[in-house]
């Protein structure tokens, strides 16, 4: 599992500091320089699509690291090492 968590941390995306719920919209807006409100609206509109919007958001919420490199999934299934 350590290799899996290490590969997730190597993705150049972190949940944003300007977060409301999970930080996904804040992270996207920070990464690409977009307006956070616009990104939130697009994400909410994607929830209308069956399965795709909510499922994608939940997967991102579980797998993407926070600003301090911690991963929510790692709290449930810890590896042998702690994040750097």
N, C-alpha and C. Protein backbone atom coordinates (compact mmCIF):
# COMPACT_ATOMS: atom_id res chain seq x y z
N UNK A 1 0.81 -1.19 0.00
CA UNK A 1 0.00 0.00 0.00
C UNK A 1 0.86 1.26 0.00
N UNK A 2 2.08 1.17 0.53
CA UNK A 2 2.94 2.36 0.56
C UNK A 2 3.23 2.87 -0.84
N UNK A 3 3.42 1.96 -1.79
CA UNK A 3 3.68 2.37 -3.17
C UNK A 3 2.47 3.09 -3.74
N UNK A 4 1.28 2.61 -3.43
CA UNK A 4 0.05 3.24 -3.89
C UNK A 4 -0.08 4.65 -3.32
N UNK A 5 0.14 4.81 -2.03
CA UNK A 5 0.05 6.13 -1.40
C UNK A 5 1.14 7.07 -1.92
N UNK A 6 2.32 6.53 -2.16
CA UNK A 6 3.41 7.34 -2.70
C UNK A 6 3.06 7.84 -4.10
N UNK A 7 2.42 6.98 -4.90
CA UNK A 7 2.03 7.41 -6.25
C UNK A 7 0.93 8.46 -6.19
N UNK A 8 0.02 8.36 -5.22
CA UNK A 8 -0.99 9.40 -5.07
C UNK A 8 -0.37 10.73 -4.67
N UNK A 9 0.64 10.69 -3.82
CA UNK A 9 1.31 11.92 -3.40
C UNK A 9 2.13 12.53 -4.53
N UNK A 10 2.53 11.73 -5.51
CA UNK A 10 3.33 12.26 -6.62
C UNK A 10 2.47 13.03 -7.62
N UNK A 11 1.15 12.91 -7.55
CA UNK A 11 0.27 13.67 -8.43
C UNK A 11 0.38 15.13 -8.03
N UNK A 12 0.61 16.02 -9.00
CA UNK A 12 0.80 17.44 -8.64
C UNK A 12 -0.51 18.17 -8.35
N UNK A 13 -1.35 17.60 -7.54
CA UNK A 13 -2.64 18.19 -7.19
C UNK A 13 -2.88 17.99 -5.70
N UNK A 14 -3.26 19.03 -5.04
CA UNK A 14 -3.61 18.95 -3.62
C UNK A 14 -4.96 19.59 -3.44
N UNK A 15 -5.68 19.13 -2.44
CA UNK A 15 -6.95 19.78 -2.13
C UNK A 15 -6.67 21.21 -1.72
N UNK A 16 -7.51 22.09 -2.18
CA UNK A 16 -7.27 23.51 -1.97
C UNK A 16 -7.48 23.98 -0.54
N UNK A 17 -6.78 25.04 -0.21
CA UNK A 17 -6.97 25.63 1.12
C UNK A 17 -8.31 26.37 1.22
N UNK A 18 -8.86 26.79 0.08
CA UNK A 18 -10.16 27.47 0.07
C UNK A 18 -11.24 26.42 -0.13
N UNK A 19 -11.53 25.68 0.91
CA UNK A 19 -12.45 24.56 0.76
C UNK A 19 -13.75 24.80 1.50
N UNK A 20 -14.80 24.21 1.00
CA UNK A 20 -16.10 24.25 1.67
C UNK A 20 -16.42 22.87 2.22
N UNK A 21 -16.33 21.85 1.37
CA UNK A 21 -16.67 20.50 1.80
C UNK A 21 -15.42 19.63 1.80
N UNK A 22 -15.00 19.18 0.63
CA UNK A 22 -13.86 18.28 0.56
C UNK A 22 -12.59 18.91 0.02
N UNK A 23 -12.69 20.13 -0.50
CA UNK A 23 -11.51 20.81 -1.02
C UNK A 23 -11.18 20.50 -2.46
N UNK A 24 -12.01 19.70 -3.13
CA UNK A 24 -11.73 19.32 -4.52
C UNK A 24 -11.85 20.55 -5.42
N UNK A 25 -12.92 21.30 -5.30
CA UNK A 25 -13.11 22.49 -6.13
C UNK A 25 -12.04 23.54 -5.83
N UNK A 26 -11.70 23.71 -4.56
CA UNK A 26 -10.64 24.65 -4.20
C UNK A 26 -9.30 24.25 -4.77
N UNK A 27 -9.02 22.94 -4.77
CA UNK A 27 -7.76 22.44 -5.34
C UNK A 27 -7.71 22.64 -6.85
N UNK A 28 -8.81 22.35 -7.53
CA UNK A 28 -8.86 22.56 -8.98
C UNK A 28 -8.69 24.04 -9.32
N UNK A 29 -9.38 24.89 -8.59
CA UNK A 29 -9.28 26.32 -8.88
C UNK A 29 -7.88 26.85 -8.60
N UNK A 30 -7.23 26.37 -7.56
CA UNK A 30 -5.87 26.81 -7.25
C UNK A 30 -4.88 26.30 -8.30
N UNK A 31 -5.05 25.05 -8.73
CA UNK A 31 -4.12 24.46 -9.70
C UNK A 31 -4.17 25.16 -11.05
N UNK A 32 -5.39 25.48 -11.51
CA UNK A 32 -5.54 26.03 -12.85
C UNK A 32 -5.80 27.53 -12.86
N UNK A 33 -5.88 28.17 -11.69
CA UNK A 33 -6.09 29.60 -11.64
C UNK A 33 -7.51 30.02 -11.96
N UNK A 34 -8.46 29.15 -11.73
CA UNK A 34 -9.86 29.44 -12.01
C UNK A 34 -10.54 30.02 -10.78
N UNK A 35 -11.70 30.60 -11.00
CA UNK A 35 -12.51 31.13 -9.91
C UNK A 35 -13.13 29.96 -9.13
N UNK A 36 -12.92 29.89 -7.81
CA UNK A 36 -13.45 28.77 -7.02
C UNK A 36 -14.97 28.65 -7.09
N UNK A 37 -15.67 29.77 -7.16
CA UNK A 37 -17.14 29.71 -7.22
C UNK A 37 -17.59 29.07 -8.52
N UNK A 38 -16.95 29.40 -9.62
CA UNK A 38 -17.30 28.81 -10.91
C UNK A 38 -17.05 27.30 -10.91
N UNK A 39 -15.93 26.89 -10.34
CA UNK A 39 -15.61 25.45 -10.27
C UNK A 39 -16.64 24.72 -9.40
N UNK A 40 -17.05 25.33 -8.30
CA UNK A 40 -18.07 24.72 -7.45
C UNK A 40 -19.39 24.57 -8.19
N UNK A 41 -19.76 25.57 -8.97
CA UNK A 41 -21.01 25.49 -9.75
C UNK A 41 -20.93 24.37 -10.77
N UNK A 42 -19.81 24.24 -11.46
CA UNK A 42 -19.64 23.17 -12.44
C UNK A 42 -19.71 21.80 -11.76
N UNK A 43 -19.10 21.67 -10.60
CA UNK A 43 -19.15 20.39 -9.87
C UNK A 43 -20.58 20.09 -9.44
N UNK A 44 -21.28 21.07 -8.94
CA UNK A 44 -22.69 20.85 -8.56
C UNK A 44 -23.54 20.46 -9.75
N UNK A 45 -23.29 21.08 -10.90
CA UNK A 45 -24.02 20.71 -12.12
C UNK A 45 -23.68 19.28 -12.55
N UNK A 46 -22.44 18.86 -12.31
CA UNK A 46 -22.06 17.49 -12.69
C UNK A 46 -22.79 16.45 -11.84
N UNK A 47 -23.26 16.85 -10.66
CA UNK A 47 -24.01 15.92 -9.81
C UNK A 47 -25.34 15.53 -10.43
N UNK A 48 -25.81 16.31 -11.39
CA UNK A 48 -27.06 15.98 -12.09
C UNK A 48 -26.88 14.72 -12.93
N UNK A 49 -25.67 14.53 -13.46
CA UNK A 49 -25.39 13.36 -14.28
C UNK A 49 -25.45 12.10 -13.42
N UNK A 50 -26.13 11.09 -13.89
CA UNK A 50 -26.23 9.88 -13.07
C UNK A 50 -24.85 9.23 -12.86
N UNK A 51 -24.54 8.97 -11.63
CA UNK A 51 -23.35 8.26 -11.18
C UNK A 51 -22.05 9.04 -11.37
N UNK A 52 -21.85 9.68 -12.50
CA UNK A 52 -20.56 10.27 -12.82
C UNK A 52 -20.16 11.37 -11.85
N UNK A 53 -21.00 12.33 -11.61
CA UNK A 53 -20.64 13.48 -10.78
C UNK A 53 -20.35 13.12 -9.35
N UNK A 54 -21.29 12.48 -8.68
CA UNK A 54 -21.12 12.16 -7.26
C UNK A 54 -20.03 11.11 -7.07
N UNK A 55 -20.02 10.09 -7.91
CA UNK A 55 -19.02 9.03 -7.77
C UNK A 55 -17.61 9.56 -7.98
N UNK A 56 -17.43 10.39 -8.99
CA UNK A 56 -16.11 10.96 -9.24
C UNK A 56 -15.65 11.83 -8.08
N UNK A 57 -16.56 12.62 -7.54
CA UNK A 57 -16.22 13.49 -6.42
C UNK A 57 -15.84 12.64 -5.20
N UNK A 58 -16.59 11.59 -4.93
CA UNK A 58 -16.29 10.74 -3.77
C UNK A 58 -14.94 10.04 -3.92
N UNK A 59 -14.65 9.56 -5.12
CA UNK A 59 -13.35 8.91 -5.36
C UNK A 59 -12.22 9.93 -5.16
N UNK A 60 -12.41 11.13 -5.71
CA UNK A 60 -11.39 12.17 -5.53
C UNK A 60 -11.25 12.53 -4.06
N UNK A 61 -12.36 12.59 -3.34
CA UNK A 61 -12.33 12.96 -1.93
C UNK A 61 -11.55 11.93 -1.10
N UNK A 62 -11.66 10.67 -1.46
CA UNK A 62 -10.99 9.60 -0.71
C UNK A 62 -9.51 9.47 -1.09
N UNK A 63 -9.17 9.74 -2.36
CA UNK A 63 -7.82 9.46 -2.84
C UNK A 63 -6.87 10.65 -2.89
N UNK A 64 -7.38 11.85 -3.07
CA UNK A 64 -6.48 12.99 -3.26
C UNK A 64 -5.93 13.50 -1.93
N UNK A 65 -4.63 13.81 -1.90
CA UNK A 65 -4.01 14.26 -0.66
C UNK A 65 -4.38 15.70 -0.30
N UNK A 66 -4.34 15.97 1.02
CA UNK A 66 -4.53 17.32 1.54
C UNK A 66 -3.26 18.10 1.32
N UNK A 67 -3.25 19.35 1.72
CA UNK A 67 -2.06 20.20 1.59
C UNK A 67 -0.87 19.64 2.39
N UNK A 68 -1.15 18.91 3.47
CA UNK A 68 -0.06 18.36 4.29
C UNK A 68 0.32 16.93 3.88
N UNK A 69 -0.13 16.49 2.70
CA UNK A 69 0.18 15.17 2.12
C UNK A 69 -0.53 14.00 2.79
N UNK A 70 -1.48 14.22 3.68
CA UNK A 70 -2.24 13.11 4.24
C UNK A 70 -3.36 12.73 3.28
N UNK A 71 -3.66 11.45 3.23
CA UNK A 71 -4.68 10.91 2.34
C UNK A 71 -5.76 10.25 3.20
N UNK A 72 -7.04 10.63 2.99
CA UNK A 72 -8.12 10.05 3.81
C UNK A 72 -8.17 8.52 3.77
N UNK A 73 -7.93 7.91 2.62
CA UNK A 73 -7.96 6.45 2.52
C UNK A 73 -6.90 5.82 3.41
N UNK A 74 -5.79 6.52 3.61
CA UNK A 74 -4.70 5.99 4.42
C UNK A 74 -5.09 5.88 5.90
N UNK A 75 -6.04 6.68 6.32
CA UNK A 75 -6.52 6.56 7.70
C UNK A 75 -7.28 5.27 7.90
N UNK A 76 -7.94 4.79 6.84
CA UNK A 76 -8.71 3.55 6.92
C UNK A 76 -7.82 2.34 6.72
N UNK A 77 -6.95 2.41 5.71
CA UNK A 77 -6.02 1.32 5.38
C UNK A 77 -4.60 1.85 5.46
N UNK A 78 -4.03 1.97 6.66
CA UNK A 78 -2.69 2.54 6.77
C UNK A 78 -1.62 1.63 6.18
N UNK A 79 -0.59 2.27 5.64
CA UNK A 79 0.56 1.53 5.15
C UNK A 79 1.53 1.31 6.29
N UNK A 80 2.73 0.92 5.96
CA UNK A 80 3.72 0.68 7.00
C UNK A 80 4.46 1.95 7.38
N UNK A 81 4.40 3.00 6.52
CA UNK A 81 5.10 4.24 6.81
C UNK A 81 4.10 5.38 6.87
N UNK A 82 4.43 6.41 7.61
CA UNK A 82 3.61 7.62 7.69
C UNK A 82 4.04 8.59 6.60
N UNK A 83 3.18 9.53 6.17
CA UNK A 83 3.55 10.49 5.14
C UNK A 83 4.73 11.36 5.57
N UNK A 84 5.50 11.76 4.57
CA UNK A 84 6.67 12.61 4.85
C UNK A 84 6.26 14.01 5.16
